[in-house]
N, C-alpha and C. Protein backbone atom coordinates (compact mmCIF):
# COMPACT_ATOMS: atom_id res chain seq x y z
N UNK A 1 102.28 83.34 48.34
CA UNK A 1 102.80 81.93 48.81
C UNK A 1 103.57 81.33 47.70
N UNK A 2 104.80 81.03 48.02
CA UNK A 2 105.73 80.55 46.90
C UNK A 2 105.31 79.13 46.54
N UNK A 3 105.06 78.32 47.56
CA UNK A 3 104.64 76.90 47.27
C UNK A 3 103.41 76.89 46.49
N UNK A 4 102.43 77.76 46.70
CA UNK A 4 101.23 77.78 45.88
C UNK A 4 101.44 78.17 44.45
N UNK A 5 102.34 79.12 44.26
CA UNK A 5 102.74 79.55 42.92
C UNK A 5 103.48 78.44 42.20
N UNK A 6 104.31 77.74 42.81
CA UNK A 6 105.09 76.64 42.33
C UNK A 6 104.12 75.50 41.91
N UNK A 7 103.17 75.44 42.75
CA UNK A 7 102.16 74.14 42.44
C UNK A 7 101.39 74.58 41.30
N UNK A 8 100.96 75.81 41.09
CA UNK A 8 100.16 76.26 39.93
C UNK A 8 100.98 76.23 38.82
N UNK A 9 102.27 76.57 38.75
CA UNK A 9 103.15 76.35 37.63
C UNK A 9 103.32 75.00 37.22
N UNK A 10 103.49 74.14 38.24
CA UNK A 10 103.63 72.60 38.06
C UNK A 10 102.34 72.04 37.23
N UNK A 11 101.17 72.49 37.74
CA UNK A 11 100.01 72.06 37.16
C UNK A 11 99.80 72.53 35.66
N UNK A 12 100.28 73.84 35.41
CA UNK A 12 100.19 74.46 34.17
C UNK A 12 101.12 73.80 33.28
N UNK A 13 102.31 73.39 33.72
CA UNK A 13 103.30 72.66 32.87
C UNK A 13 102.83 71.32 32.55
N UNK A 14 102.11 70.66 33.41
CA UNK A 14 101.58 69.34 33.19
C UNK A 14 100.46 69.42 32.15
N UNK A 15 99.62 70.44 32.25
CA UNK A 15 98.56 70.57 31.21
C UNK A 15 99.15 70.81 29.83
N UNK A 16 100.21 71.75 29.85
CA UNK A 16 100.79 71.91 28.56
C UNK A 16 101.40 70.73 28.02
N UNK A 17 102.12 69.98 28.75
CA UNK A 17 102.72 68.73 28.26
C UNK A 17 101.67 67.78 27.76
N UNK A 18 100.56 67.77 28.48
CA UNK A 18 99.39 66.79 28.00
C UNK A 18 98.99 67.21 26.65
N UNK A 19 98.75 68.54 26.53
CA UNK A 19 98.22 69.20 25.29
C UNK A 19 99.21 68.85 24.09
N UNK A 20 100.47 69.06 24.46
CA UNK A 20 101.43 68.90 23.32
C UNK A 20 101.58 67.38 22.96
N UNK A 21 101.36 66.54 23.92
CA UNK A 21 101.37 65.01 23.61
C UNK A 21 100.20 64.65 22.85
N UNK A 22 99.01 65.33 23.24
CA UNK A 22 97.79 65.06 22.37
C UNK A 22 97.98 65.44 20.95
N UNK A 23 98.48 66.72 20.90
CA UNK A 23 98.60 67.38 19.54
C UNK A 23 99.58 66.43 18.67
N UNK A 24 100.72 66.04 19.36
CA UNK A 24 101.66 65.18 18.51
C UNK A 24 100.99 63.91 18.05
N UNK A 25 100.24 63.29 19.03
CA UNK A 25 99.58 62.01 18.66
C UNK A 25 98.62 62.16 17.54
N UNK A 26 97.88 63.31 17.44
CA UNK A 26 97.03 63.52 16.32
C UNK A 26 97.68 63.78 15.05
N UNK A 27 98.88 64.41 15.15
CA UNK A 27 99.65 64.78 13.94
C UNK A 27 100.18 63.40 13.44
N UNK A 28 100.62 62.51 14.26
CA UNK A 28 101.11 61.30 13.97
C UNK A 28 100.00 60.41 13.14
N UNK A 29 98.79 60.52 13.74
CA UNK A 29 97.69 59.72 13.08
C UNK A 29 97.37 60.13 11.76
N UNK A 30 97.44 61.48 11.57
CA UNK A 30 97.17 62.06 10.30
C UNK A 30 98.16 61.67 9.14
N UNK A 31 99.39 61.49 9.71
CA UNK A 31 100.46 61.18 8.66
C UNK A 31 100.53 59.72 8.55
C-alpha cells in the first residue's frame, strides 16, 4: 500500500527531525 508506506516515511522523518532538534538544543545548552 503506497499511502501506508508514505505515512510511515512521514512519521519516520518527523521523528528524525524531532531528534535532530533535541540534539541541537542540547548542543546549544552545553556551549
